PDB file of N, CA and C in Angstrom:
ATOM      1  N   MET A   1      24.700 -47.662   5.763  1.00  0.00           N
ATOM      2  CA  MET A   1      24.754 -46.437   6.525  1.00  0.00           C
ATOM      3  C   MET A   1      23.376 -45.779   6.478  1.00  0.00           C
ATOM      4  N   PRO A   2      22.852 -45.370   7.624  1.00  0.00           N
ATOM      5  CA  PRO A   2      21.505 -44.804   7.624  1.00  0.00           C
ATOM      6  C   PRO A   2      21.472 -43.435   6.931  1.00  0.00           C
ATOM      7  N   ASP A   3      20.351 -43.182   6.317  1.00  0.00           N
ATOM      8  CA  ASP A   3      20.146 -41.902   5.653  1.00  0.00           C
ATOM      9  C   ASP A   3      19.551 -40.930   6.661  1.00  0.00           C
ATOM     10  N   LEU A   4      20.330 -39.944   7.048  1.00  0.00           N
ATOM     11  CA  LEU A   4      19.860 -38.972   8.028  1.00  0.00           C
ATOM     12  C   LEU A   4      19.338 -37.746   7.288  1.00  0.00           C
ATOM     13  N   SER A   5      18.060 -37.559   7.371  1.00  0.00           N
ATOM     14  CA  SER A   5      17.482 -36.394   6.721  1.00  0.00           C
ATOM     15  C   SER A   5      17.661 -35.171   7.616  1.00  0.00           C
ATOM     16  N   TRP A   6      17.327 -34.004   7.111  1.00  0.00           N
ATOM     17  CA  TRP A   6      17.487 -32.769   7.871  1.00  0.00           C
ATOM     18  C   TRP A   6      16.623 -32.764   9.127  1.00  0.00           C
ATOM     19  N   ASP A   7      15.454 -33.364   9.070  1.00  0.00           N
ATOM     20  CA  ASP A   7      14.566 -33.398  10.231  1.00  0.00           C
ATOM     21  C   ASP A   7      15.189 -34.160  11.385  1.00  0.00           C
ATOM     22  N   GLU A   8      15.864 -35.276  11.096  1.00  0.00           N
ATOM     23  CA  GLU A   8      16.501 -36.051  12.159  1.00  0.00           C
ATOM     24  C   GLU A   8      17.642 -35.270  12.792  1.00  0.00           C
ATOM     25  N   TRP A   9      18.428 -34.565  11.984  1.00  0.00           N
ATOM     26  CA  TRP A   9      19.514 -33.760  12.526  1.00  0.00           C
ATOM     27  C   TRP A   9      18.957 -32.621  13.376  1.00  0.00           C
ATOM     28  N   LYS A  10      17.869 -32.031  12.926  1.00  0.00           N
ATOM     29  CA  LYS A  10      17.253 -30.932  13.667  1.00  0.00           C
ATOM     30  C   LYS A  10      16.765 -31.432  15.033  1.00  0.00           C
ATOM     31  N   THR A  11      16.187 -32.602  15.075  1.00  0.00           N
ATOM     32  CA  THR A  11      15.724 -33.185  16.326  1.00  0.00           C
ATOM     33  C   THR A  11      16.898 -33.481  17.250  1.00  0.00           C
ATOM     34  N   LEU A  12      17.954 -34.040  16.702  1.00  0.00           N
ATOM     35  CA  LEU A  12      19.136 -34.359  17.495  1.00  0.00           C
ATOM     36  C   LEU A  12      19.767 -33.100  18.076  1.00  0.00           C
ATOM     37  N   ILE A  13      19.876 -32.080  17.286  1.00  0.00           N
ATOM     38  CA  ILE A  13      20.462 -30.821  17.752  1.00  0.00           C
ATOM     39  C   ILE A  13      19.575 -30.179  18.809  1.00  0.00           C
ATOM     40  N   SER A  14      18.268 -30.194  18.619  1.00  0.00           N
ATOM     41  CA  SER A  14      17.378 -29.583  19.610  1.00  0.00           C
ATOM     42  C   SER A  14      17.411 -30.356  20.930  1.00  0.00           C
ATOM     43  N   LEU A  15      17.537 -31.683  20.869  1.00  0.00           N
ATOM     44  CA  LEU A  15      17.674 -32.469  22.103  1.00  0.00           C
ATOM     45  C   LEU A  15      18.974 -32.139  22.811  1.00  0.00           C
ATOM     46  N   ALA A  16      20.053 -32.022  22.060  1.00  0.00           N
ATOM     47  CA  ALA A  16      21.336 -31.697  22.662  1.00  0.00           C
ATOM     48  C   ALA A  16      21.302 -30.314  23.301  1.00  0.00           C
ATOM     49  N   VAL A  17      20.678 -29.366  22.640  1.00  0.00           N
ATOM     50  CA  VAL A  17      20.578 -28.008  23.182  1.00  0.00           C
ATOM     51  C   VAL A  17      19.719 -27.999  24.447  1.00  0.00           C
ATOM     52  N   ALA A  18      18.749 -28.877  24.541  1.00  0.00           N
ATOM     53  CA  ALA A  18      17.890 -28.921  25.719  1.00  0.00           C
ATOM     54  C   ALA A  18      18.529 -29.696  26.868  1.00  0.00           C
ATOM     55  N   VAL A  19      19.250 -30.742  26.564  1.00  0.00           N
ATOM     56  CA  VAL A  19      19.769 -31.625  27.612  1.00  0.00           C
ATOM     57  C   VAL A  19      21.078 -31.117  28.198  1.00  0.00           C
ATOM     58  N   ILE A  20      21.978 -30.626  27.391  1.00  0.00           N
ATOM     59  CA  ILE A  20      23.309 -30.241  27.871  1.00  0.00           C
ATOM     60  C   ILE A  20      23.237 -29.151  28.943  1.00  0.00           C
ATOM     61  N   PRO A  21      22.464 -28.091  28.790  1.00  0.00           N
ATOM     62  CA  PRO A  21      22.402 -27.099  29.883  1.00  0.00           C
ATOM     63  C   PRO A  21      21.830 -27.671  31.177  1.00  0.00           C
ATOM     64  N   ALA A  22      20.867 -28.565  31.072  1.00  0.00           N
ATOM     65  CA  ALA A  22      20.303 -29.176  32.280  1.00  0.00           C
ATOM     66  C   ALA A  22      21.343 -30.026  32.995  1.00  0.00           C
ATOM     67  N   VAL A  23      22.139 -30.758  32.241  1.00  0.00           N
ATOM     68  CA  VAL A  23      23.191 -31.582  32.846  1.00  0.00           C
ATOM     69  C   VAL A  23      24.244 -30.701  33.505  1.00  0.00           C
ATOM     70  N   VAL A  24      24.615 -29.630  32.838  1.00  0.00           N
ATOM     71  CA  VAL A  24      25.607 -28.714  33.408  1.00  0.00           C
ATOM     72  C   VAL A  24      25.055 -28.041  34.654  1.00  0.00           C
ATOM     73  N   LYS A  25      23.795 -27.650  34.625  1.00  0.00           N
ATOM     74  CA  LYS A  25      23.191 -26.956  35.761  1.00  0.00           C
ATOM     75  C   LYS A  25      23.095 -27.861  36.988  1.00  0.00           C
ATOM     76  N   TYR A  26      22.748 -29.126  36.772  1.00  0.00           N
ATOM     77  CA  TYR A  26      22.534 -30.043  37.891  1.00  0.00           C
ATOM     78  C   TYR A  26      23.649 -31.082  38.020  1.00  0.00           C
ATOM     79  N   ARG A  27      24.856 -30.759  37.606  1.00  0.00           N
ATOM     80  CA  ARG A  27      25.929 -31.760  37.621  1.00  0.00           C
ATOM     81  C   ARG A  27      26.304 -32.208  39.030  1.00  0.00           C
ATOM     82  N   VAL A  28      26.247 -31.311  39.997  1.00  0.00           N
ATOM     83  CA  VAL A  28      26.578 -31.690  41.379  1.00  0.00           C
ATOM     84  C   VAL A  28      25.545 -32.669  41.915  1.00  0.00           C
ATOM     85  N   GLU A  29      24.271 -32.371  41.689  1.00  0.00           N
ATOM     86  CA  GLU A  29      23.208 -33.270  42.150  1.00  0.00           C
ATOM     87  C   GLU A  29      23.261 -34.599  41.414  1.00  0.00           C
ATOM     88  N   LEU A  30      23.566 -34.559  40.117  1.00  0.00           N
ATOM     89  CA  LEU A  30      23.687 -35.803  39.353  1.00  0.00           C
ATOM     90  C   LEU A  30      24.851 -36.646  39.855  1.00  0.00           C
ATOM     91  N   THR A  31      25.959 -35.993  40.193  1.00  0.00           N
ATOM     92  CA  THR A  31      27.116 -36.721  40.721  1.00  0.00           C
ATOM     93  C   THR A  31      26.766 -37.395  42.045  1.00  0.00           C
ATOM     94  N   ARG A  32      26.071 -36.668  42.907  1.00  0.00           N
ATOM     95  CA  ARG A  32      25.669 -37.264  44.192  1.00  0.00           C
ATOM     96  C   ARG A  32      24.709 -38.436  43.986  1.00  0.00           C
ATOM     97  N   ALA A  33      23.772 -38.275  43.070  1.00  0.00           N
ATOM     98  CA  ALA A  33      22.814 -39.352  42.803  1.00  0.00           C
ATOM     99  C   ALA A  33      23.513 -40.571  42.221  1.00  0.00           C
ATOM    100  N   ILE A  34      24.438 -40.351  41.313  1.00  0.00           N
ATOM    101  CA  ILE A  34      25.175 -41.474  40.716  1.00  0.00           C
ATOM    102  C   ILE A  34      26.020 -42.177  41.781  1.00  0.00           C
ATOM    103  N   ASP A  35      26.658 -41.409  42.664  1.00  0.00           N
ATOM    104  CA  ASP A  35      27.434 -42.017  43.750  1.00  0.00           C
ATOM    105  C   ASP A  35      26.548 -42.836  44.683  1.00  0.00           C
ATOM    106  N   ALA A  36      25.369 -42.301  44.998  1.00  0.00           N
ATOM    107  CA  ALA A  36      24.459 -43.036  45.881  1.00  0.00           C
ATOM    108  C   ALA A  36      23.986 -44.329  45.226  1.00  0.00           C
ATOM    109  N   VAL A  37      23.679 -44.277  43.944  1.00  0.00           N
ATOM    110  CA  VAL A  37      23.258 -45.491  43.232  1.00  0.00           C
ATOM    111  C   VAL A  37      24.407 -46.492  43.171  1.00  0.00           C
ATOM    112  N   ALA A  38      25.625 -46.006  42.915  1.00  0.00           N
ATOM    113  CA  ALA A  38      26.782 -46.908  42.853  1.00  0.00           C
ATOM    114  C   ALA A  38      27.028 -47.578  44.202  1.00  0.00           C
ATOM    115  N   GLU A  39      26.893 -46.822  45.286  1.00  0.00           N
ATOM    116  CA  GLU A  39      27.080 -47.414  46.607  1.00  0.00           C
ATOM    117  C   GLU A  39      25.978 -48.423  46.926  1.00  0.00           C
ATOM    118  N   GLY A  40      24.754 -48.110  46.537  1.00  0.00           N
ATOM    119  CA  GLY A  40      23.656 -49.051  46.764  1.00  0.00           C
ATOM    120  C   GLY A  40      23.846 -50.342  45.998  1.00  0.00           C
ATOM    121  N   VAL A  41      24.227 -50.226  44.741  1.00  0.00           N
ATOM    122  CA  VAL A  41      24.487 -51.423  43.938  1.00  0.00           C
ATOM    123  C   VAL A  41      25.671 -52.183  44.511  1.00  0.00           C
ATOM    124  N   GLY A  42      26.694 -51.453  44.965  1.00  0.00           N
ATOM    125  CA  GLY A  42      27.855 -52.105  45.575  1.00  0.00           C
ATOM    126  C   GLY A  42      27.487 -52.899  46.813  1.00  0.00           C
ATOM    127  N   LEU A  43      26.664 -52.317  47.663  1.00  0.00           N
ATOM    128  CA  LEU A  43      26.239 -53.041  48.863  1.00  0.00           C
ATOM    129  C   LEU A  43      25.367 -54.241  48.517  1.00  0.00           C
ATOM    130  N   LEU A  44      24.533 -54.095  47.492  1.00  0.00           N
ATOM    131  CA  LEU A  44      23.698 -55.211  47.052  1.00  0.00           C
ATOM    132  C   LEU A  44      24.564 -56.362  46.524  1.00  0.00           C
ATOM    133  N   VAL A  45      25.573 -56.038  45.738  1.00  0.00           N
ATOM    134  CA  VAL A  45      26.467 -57.072  45.219  1.00  0.00           C
ATOM    135  C   VAL A  45      27.295 -57.676  46.352  1.00  0.00           C
ATOM    136  N   LEU A  46      27.659 -56.873  47.346  1.00  0.00           N
ATOM    137  CA  LEU A  46      28.371 -57.398  48.510  1.00  0.00           C
ATOM    138  C   LEU A  46      27.520 -58.426  49.241  1.00  0.00           C
ATOM    139  N   VAL A  47      26.258 -58.125  49.429  1.00  0.00           N
ATOM    140  CA  VAL A  47      25.351 -59.083  50.076  1.00  0.00           C
ATOM    141  C   VAL A  47      25.225 -60.342  49.213  1.00  0.00           C
ATOM    142  N   PHE A  48      25.134 -60.161  47.898  1.00  0.00           N
ATOM    143  CA  PHE A  48      25.071 -61.316  46.998  1.00  0.00           C
ATOM    144  C   PHE A  48      26.327 -62.171  47.130  1.00  0.00           C
ATOM    145  N   GLY A  49      27.488 -61.545  47.257  1.00  0.00           N
ATOM    146  CA  GLY A  49      28.732 -62.292  47.447  1.00  0.00           C
ATOM    147  C   GLY A  49      28.738 -63.076  48.745  1.00  0.00           C
ATOM    148  N   VAL A  50      28.228 -62.470  49.802  1.00  0.00           N
ATOM    149  CA  VAL A  50      28.156 -63.168  51.098  1.00  0.00           C
ATOM    150  C   VAL A  50      27.214 -64.364  51.006  1.00  0.00           C
ATOM    151  N   VAL A  51      26.067 -64.179  50.374  1.00  0.00           N
ATOM    152  CA  VAL A  51      25.108 -65.279  50.231  1.00  0.00           C
ATOM    153  C   VAL A  51      25.708 -66.397  49.379  1.00  0.00           C
ATOM    154  N   LEU A  52      26.355 -66.028  48.300  1.00  0.00           N
ATOM    155  CA  LEU A  52      26.996 -67.026  47.442  1.00  0.00           C
ATOM    156  C   LEU A  52      28.079 -67.786  48.200  1.00  0.00           C
ATOM    157  N   TYR A  53      28.840 -67.073  49.028  1.00  0.00           N
ATOM    158  CA  TYR A  53      29.889 -67.710  49.821  1.00  0.00           C
ATOM    159  C   TYR A  53      29.292 -68.679  50.834  1.00  0.00           C
ATOM    160  N   THR A  54      28.218 -68.276  51.502  1.00  0.00           N
ATOM    161  CA  THR A  54      27.637 -69.156  52.517  1.00  0.00           C
ATOM    162  C   THR A  54      27.018 -70.409  51.903  1.00  0.00           C
ATOM    163  N   HIS A  55      26.631 -70.339  50.634  1.00  0.00           N
ATOM    164  CA  HIS A  55      26.081 -71.524  49.987  1.00  0.00           C
ATOM    165  C   HIS A  55      27.156 -72.413  49.372  1.00  0.00           C
ATOM    166  N   THR A  56      28.254 -71.830  48.895  1.00  0.00           N
ATOM    167  CA  THR A  56      29.268 -72.643  48.229  1.00  0.00           C
ATOM    168  C   THR A  56      30.304 -73.204  49.189  1.00  0.00           C
ATOM    169  N   PHE A  57      30.572 -72.536  50.313  1.00  0.00           N
ATOM    170  CA  PHE A  57      31.620 -73.015  51.209  1.00  0.00           C
ATOM    171  C   PHE A  57      31.334 -74.411  51.766  1.00  0.00           C
ATOM    172  N   PRO A  58      30.122 -74.685  52.279  1.00  0.00           N
ATOM    173  CA  PRO A  58      29.874 -76.054  52.766  1.00  0.00           C
ATOM    174  C   PRO A  58      29.950 -77.088  51.642  1.00  0.00           C
ATOM    175  N   GLN A  59      29.470 -76.742  50.458  1.00  0.00           N
ATOM    176  CA  GLN A  59      29.554 -77.669  49.329  1.00  0.00           C
ATOM    177  C   GLN A  59      31.003 -77.910  48.923  1.00  0.00           C
ATOM    178  N   TRP A  60      31.824 -76.858  48.986  1.00  0.00           N
ATOM    179  CA  TRP A  60      33.237 -76.980  48.632  1.00  0.00           C
ATOM    180  C   TRP A  60      33.952 -77.919  49.606  1.00  0.00           C
ATOM    181  N   GLU A  61      33.687 -77.774  50.911  1.00  0.00           N
ATOM    182  CA  GLU A  61      34.308 -78.658  51.899  1.00  0.00           C
ATOM    183  C   GLU A  61      33.819 -80.093  51.725  1.00  0.00           C
ATOM    184  N   ARG A  62      32.524 -80.268  51.475  1.00  0.00           N
ATOM    185  CA  ARG A  62      31.966 -81.604  51.271  1.00  0.00           C
ATOM    186  C   ARG A  62      32.571 -82.265  50.032  1.00  0.00           C
ATOM    187  N   LEU A  63      32.745 -81.493  48.975  1.00  0.00           N
ATOM    188  CA  LEU A  63      33.318 -82.036  47.741  1.00  0.00           C
ATOM    189  C   LEU A  63      34.771 -82.433  47.948  1.00  0.00           C
ATOM    190  N   GLN A  64      35.517 -81.627  48.682  1.00  0.00           N
ATOM    191  CA  GLN A  64      36.910 -81.975  48.940  1.00  0.00           C
ATOM    192  C   GLN A  64      37.019 -83.255  49.768  1.00  0.00           C
ATOM    193  N   ALA A  65      36.100 -83.440  50.712  1.00  0.00           N
ATOM    194  CA  ALA A  65      36.134 -84.646  51.547  1.00  0.00           C
ATOM    195  C   ALA A  65      35.770 -85.891  50.745  1.00  0.00           C
ATOM    196  N   ASN A  66      34.864 -85.757  49.785  1.00  0.00           N
ATOM    197  CA  ASN A  66      34.413 -86.907  48.996  1.00  0.00           C
ATOM    198  C   ASN A  66      35.048 -86.980  47.618  1.00  0.00           C
ATOM    199  N   LEU A  67      36.139 -86.283  47.406  1.00  0.00           N
ATOM    200  CA  LEU A  67      36.733 -86.231  46.081  1.00  0.00           C
ATOM    201  C   LEU A  67      37.330 -87.574  45.665  1.00  0.00           C
ATOM    202  N   GLY A  68      37.890 -88.304  46.599  1.00  0.00           N
ATOM    203  CA  GLY A  68      38.491 -89.600  46.256  1.00  0.00           C
ATOM    204  C   GLY A  68      37.492 -90.587  45.687  1.00  0.00           C
ATOM    205  N   PRO A  69      36.404 -90.879  46.394  1.00  0.00           N
ATOM    206  CA  PRO A  69      35.420 -91.815  45.843  1.00  0.00           C
ATOM    207  C   PRO A  69      34.725 -91.288  44.579  1.00  0.00           C
ATOM    208  N   ALA A  70      34.469 -89.997  44.528  1.00  0.00           N
ATOM    209  CA  ALA A  70      33.781 -89.437  43.363  1.00  0.00           C
ATOM    210  C   ALA A  70      34.666 -89.482  42.120  1.00  0.00           C
ATOM    211  N   SER A  71      35.965 -89.249  42.288  1.00  0.00           N
ATOM    212  CA  SER A  71      36.841 -89.259  41.120  1.00  0.00           C
ATOM    213  C   SER A  71      37.116 -90.682  40.645  1.00  0.00           C
ATOM    214  N   ALA A  72      36.988 -91.660  41.539  1.00  0.00           N
ATOM    215  CA  ALA A  72      37.168 -93.050  41.119  1.00  0.00           C
ATOM    216  C   ALA A  72      35.992 -93.505  40.254  1.00  0.00           C
ATOM    217  N   GLU A  73      34.785 -93.037  40.592  1.00  0.00           N
ATOM    218  CA  GLU A  73      33.596 -93.419  39.818  1.00  0.00           C
ATOM    219  C   GLU A  73      33.544 -92.711  38.470  1.00  0.00           C
ATOM    220  N   SER A  74      33.682 -91.389  38.497  1.00  0.00           N
ATOM    221  CA  SER A  74      33.575 -90.607  37.260  1.00  0.00           C
ATOM    222  C   SER A  74      34.543 -89.428  37.336  1.00  0.00           C
ATOM    223  N   PRO A  75      35.738 -89.591  36.780  1.00  0.00           N
ATOM    224  CA  PRO A  75      36.729 -88.516  36.892  1.00  0.00           C
ATOM    225  C   PRO A  75      36.307 -87.219  36.192  1.00  0.00           C
ATOM    226  N   LEU A  76      35.619 -87.334  35.065  1.00  0.00           N
ATOM    227  CA  LEU A  76      35.201 -86.136  34.336  1.00  0.00           C
ATOM    228  C   LEU A  76      34.156 -85.351  35.124  1.00  0.00           C
ATOM    229  N   LEU A  77      33.194 -86.046  35.705  1.00  0.00           N
ATOM    230  CA  LEU A  77      32.158 -85.384  36.503  1.00  0.00           C
ATOM    231  C   LEU A  77      32.770 -84.732  37.745  1.00  0.00           C
ATOM    232  N   ALA A  78      33.701 -85.420  38.386  1.00  0.00           N
ATOM    233  CA  ALA A  78      34.358 -84.857  39.572  1.00  0.00           C
ATOM    234  C   ALA A  78      35.149 -83.606  39.204  1.00  0.00           C
ATOM    235  N   ALA A  79      35.834 -83.628  38.069  1.00  0.00           N
ATOM    236  CA  ALA A  79      36.596 -82.454  37.634  1.00  0.00           C
ATOM    237  C   ALA A  79      35.681 -81.282  37.328  1.00  0.00           C
ATOM    238  N   GLN A  80      34.528 -81.556  36.715  1.00  0.00           N
ATOM    239  CA  GLN A  80      33.582 -80.483  36.424  1.00  0.00           C
ATOM    240  C   GLN A  80      33.006 -79.889  37.704  1.00  0.00           C
ATOM    241  N   GLN A  81      32.712 -80.745  38.673  1.00  0.00           N
ATOM    242  CA  GLN A  81      32.184 -80.258  39.947  1.00  0.00           C
ATOM    243  C   GLN A  81      33.219 -79.393  40.673  1.00  0.00           C
ATOM    244  N   VAL A  82      34.460 -79.853  40.668  1.00  0.00           N
ATOM    245  CA  VAL A  82      35.526 -79.085  41.323  1.00  0.00           C
ATOM    246  C   VAL A  82      35.692 -77.729  40.645  1.00  0.00           C
ATOM    247  N   GLN A  83      35.711 -77.737  39.324  1.00  0.00           N
ATOM    248  CA  GLN A  83      35.893 -76.485  38.589  1.00  0.00           C
ATOM    249  C   GLN A  83      34.732 -75.521  38.834  1.00  0.00           C
ATOM    250  N   THR A  84      33.511 -76.023  38.795  1.00  0.00           N
ATOM    251  CA  THR A  84      32.348 -75.163  39.002  1.00  0.00           C
ATOM    252  C   THR A  84      32.314 -74.603  40.417  1.00  0.00           C
ATOM    253  N   LEU A  85      32.491 -75.460  41.399  1.00  0.00           N
ATOM    254  CA  LEU A  85      32.443 -74.989  42.779  1.00  0.00           C
ATOM    255  C   LEU A  85      33.603 -74.065  43.108  1.00  0.00           C
ATOM    256  N   PHE A  86      34.783 -74.350  42.563  1.00  0.00           N
ATOM    257  CA  PHE A  86      35.914 -73.471  42.830  1.00  0.00           C
ATOM    258  C   PHE A  86      35.684 -72.094  42.210  1.00  0.00           C
ATOM    259  N   THR A  87      35.099 -72.054  41.024  1.00  0.00           N
ATOM    260  CA  THR A  87      34.794 -70.768  40.388  1.00  0.00           C
ATOM    261  C   THR A  87      33.790 -69.986  41.215  1.00  0.00           C
ATOM    262  N   LEU A  88      32.739 -70.640  41.691  1.00  0.00           N
ATOM    263  CA  LEU A  88      31.754 -69.966  42.536  1.00  0.00           C
ATOM    264  C   LEU A  88      32.370 -69.513  43.858  1.00  0.00           C
ATOM    265  N   TYR A  89      33.192 -70.363  44.444  1.00  0.00           N
ATOM    266  CA  TYR A  89      33.823 -70.058  45.725  1.00  0.00           C
ATOM    267  C   TYR A  89      34.772 -68.862  45.582  1.00  0.00           C
ATOM    268  N   ALA A  90      35.665 -68.907  44.597  1.00  0.00           N
ATOM    269  CA  ALA A  90      36.610 -67.813  44.398  1.00  0.00           C
ATOM    270  C   ALA A  90      35.885 -66.542  43.941  1.00  0.00           C
ATOM    271  N   GLY A  91      34.852 -66.700  43.125  1.00  0.00           N
ATOM    272  CA  GLY A  91      34.088 -65.541  42.680  1.00  0.00           C
ATOM    273  C   GLY A  91      33.365 -64.853  43.813  1.00  0.00           C
ATOM    274  N   SER A  92      32.848 -65.628  44.746  1.00  0.00           N
ATOM    275  CA  SER A  92      32.151 -65.014  45.879  1.00  0.00           C
ATOM    276  C   SER A  92      33.123 -64.226  46.747  1.00  0.00           C
ATOM    277  N   ILE A  93      34.321 -64.758  46.930  1.00  0.00           N
ATOM    278  CA  ILE A  93      35.329 -64.036  47.712  1.00  0.00           C
ATOM    279  C   ILE A  93      35.750 -62.763  46.978  1.00  0.00           C
ATOM    280  N   ALA A  94      35.933 -62.859  45.666  1.00  0.00           N
ATOM    281  CA  ALA A  94      36.310 -61.678  44.887  1.00  0.00           C
ATOM    282  C   ALA A  94      35.208 -60.622  44.929  1.00  0.00           C
ATOM    283  N   LEU A  95      33.946 -61.036  44.828  1.00  0.00           N
ATOM    284  CA  LEU A  95      32.840 -60.083  44.930  1.00  0.00           C
ATOM    285  C   LEU A  95      32.859 -59.367  46.271  1.00  0.00           C
ATOM    286  N   MET A  96      33.039 -60.130  47.334  1.00  0.00           N
ATOM    287  CA  MET A  96      33.012 -59.516  48.655  1.00  0.00           C
ATOM    288  C   MET A  96      34.166 -58.538  48.837  1.00  0.00           C
ATOM    289  N   VAL A  97      35.345 -58.904  48.374  1.00  0.00           N
ATOM    290  CA  VAL A  97      36.509 -58.036  48.582  1.00  0.00           C
ATOM    291  C   VAL A  97      36.431 -56.784  47.711  1.00  0.00           C
ATOM    292  N   LEU A  98      36.243 -56.963  46.416  1.00  0.00           N
ATOM    293  CA  LEU A  98      36.268 -55.814  45.507  1.00  0.00           C
ATOM    294  C   LEU A  98      35.108 -54.856  45.738  1.00  0.00           C
ATOM    295  N   VAL A  99      33.915 -55.392  45.826  1.00  0.00           N
ATOM    296  CA  VAL A  99      32.751 -54.523  46.006  1.00  0.00           C
ATOM    297  C   VAL A  99      32.728 -53.956  47.414  1.00  0.00           C
ATOM    298  N   GLY A 100      33.189 -54.724  48.368  1.00  0.00           N
ATOM    299  CA  GLY A 100      33.259 -54.211  49.728  1.00  0.00           C
ATOM    300  C   GLY A 100      34.202 -53.025  49.829  1.00  0.00           C
ATOM    301  N   MET A 101      35.354 -53.114  49.145  1.00  0.00           N
ATOM    302  CA  MET A 101      36.283 -51.986  49.159  1.00  0.00           C
ATOM    303  C   MET A 101      35.663 -50.766  48.496  1.00  0.00           C
ATOM    304  N   ARG A 102      34.953 -50.969  47.394  1.00  0.00           N
ATOM    305  CA  ARG A 102      34.318 -49.844  46.690  1.00  0.00           C
ATOM    306  C   ARG A 102      33.242 -49.201  47.554  1.00  0.00           C
ATOM    307  N   ALA A 103      32.429 -50.018  48.185  1.00  0.00           N
ATOM    308  CA  ALA A 103      31.354 -49.479  49.016  1.00  0.00           C
ATOM    309  C   ALA A 103      31.911 -48.763  50.245  1.00  0.00           C
ATOM    310  N   VAL A 104      32.908 -49.337  50.878  1.00  0.00           N
ATOM    311  CA  VAL A 104      33.485 -48.719  52.074  1.00  0.00           C
ATOM    312  C   VAL A 104      34.197 -47.423  51.713  1.00  0.00           C
ATOM    313  N   SER A 105      34.919 -47.405  50.586  1.00  0.00           N
ATOM    314  CA  SER A 105      35.601 -46.162  50.200  1.00  0.00           C
ATOM    315  C   SER A 105      34.589 -45.072  49.863  1.00  0.00           C
ATOM    316  N   GLY A 106      33.474 -45.430  49.254  1.00  0.00           N
ATOM    317  CA  GLY A 106      32.435 -44.443  48.969  1.00  0.00           C
ATOM    318  C   GLY A 106      31.808 -43.899  50.233  1.00  0.00           C
ATOM    319  N   LEU A 107      31.554 -44.779  51.185  1.00  0.00           N
ATOM    320  CA  LEU A 107      30.978 -44.320  52.455  1.00  0.00           C
ATOM    321  C   LEU A 107      31.956 -43.452  53.232  1.00  0.00           C
ATOM    322  N   LEU A 108      33.238 -43.836  53.223  1.00  0.00           N
ATOM    323  CA  LEU A 108      34.242 -43.021  53.907  1.00  0.00           C
ATOM    324  C   LEU A 108      34.392 -41.660  53.245  1.00  0.00           C
ATOM    325  N   GLY A 109      34.343 -41.635  51.926  1.00  0.00           N
ATOM    326  CA  GLY A 109      34.416 -40.354  51.226  1.00  0.00           C
ATOM    327  C   GLY A 109      33.239 -39.463  51.552  1.00  0.00           C
ATOM    328  N   ARG A 110      32.084 -40.057  51.650  1.00  0.00           N
ATOM    329  CA  ARG A 110      30.894 -39.276  51.997  1.00  0.00           C
ATOM    330  C   ARG A 110      30.999 -38.755  53.428  1.00  0.00           C
ATOM    331  N   LEU A 111      31.465 -39.573  54.366  1.00  0.00           N
ATOM    332  CA  LEU A 111      31.633 -39.129  55.740  1.00  0.00           C
ATOM    333  C   LEU A 111      32.700 -38.047  55.843  1.00  0.00           C
ATOM    334  N   ARG A 112      33.786 -38.203  55.110  1.00  0.00           N
ATOM    335  CA  ARG A 112      34.850 -37.215  55.121  1.00  0.00           C
ATOM    336  C   ARG A 112      34.352 -35.882  54.556  1.00  0.00           C
ATOM    337  N   GLY A 113      33.531 -35.938  53.497  1.00  0.00           N
ATOM    338  CA  GLY A 113      32.961 -34.725  52.919  1.00  0.00           C
ATOM    339  C   GLY A 113      32.011 -34.036  53.872  1.00  0.00           C
ATOM    340  N   THR A 114      31.248 -34.819  54.619  1.00  0.00           N
ATOM    341  CA  THR A 114      30.331 -34.253  55.611  1.00  0.00           C
ATOM    342  C   THR A 114      31.107 -33.599  56.740  1.00  0.00           C
ATOM    343  N   ALA A 115      32.206 -34.233  57.154  1.00  0.00           N
ATOM    344  CA  ALA A 115      33.023 -33.664  58.246  1.00  0.00           C
ATOM    345  C   ALA A 115      33.699 -32.378  57.801  1.00  0.00           C
ATOM    346  N   LYS A 116      34.099 -32.261  56.552  1.00  0.00           N
ATOM    347  CA  LYS A 116      34.743 -31.047  56.061  1.00  0.00           C
ATOM    348  C   LYS A 116      33.748 -29.883  56.006  1.00  0.00           C
ATOM    349  N   ARG A 117      32.496 -30.169  55.697  1.00  0.00           N
ATOM    350  CA  ARG A 117      31.494 -29.105  55.607  1.00  0.00           C
ATOM    351  C   ARG A 117      31.142 -28.526  56.976  1.00  0.00           C
ATOM    352  N   ARG A 118      31.344 -29.299  58.019  1.00  0.00           N
ATOM    353  CA  ARG A 118      30.983 -28.829  59.371  1.00  0.00           C
ATOM    354  C   ARG A 118      32.043 -27.950  59.842  1.00  0.00           C
TER     355      ARG A 118
END
């Protein structure tokens, strides 16, 4: 357990006294900034999901078409390829759906808030 001397506690308390009023004063602006960052990250992850989907879908179809000959040669390698590609394929769809819903709901909330203010 760390030894906290009085100086460390004094520093911690002075930081808390300085930071907490600023957070309370600017909480509305901080909330808007956090929402904007969350929507930006959501849209970025949505684009990543689309890119991942466009790269894995053709490979997934190709693997399904060649699964018979590949599994006859090396069943373990074919199973690993199927598992890896299926995980990427399903993950890309999940990214697009979940993050897309989050980003769209955030944008709709922002538009609804703007319409209420008018």
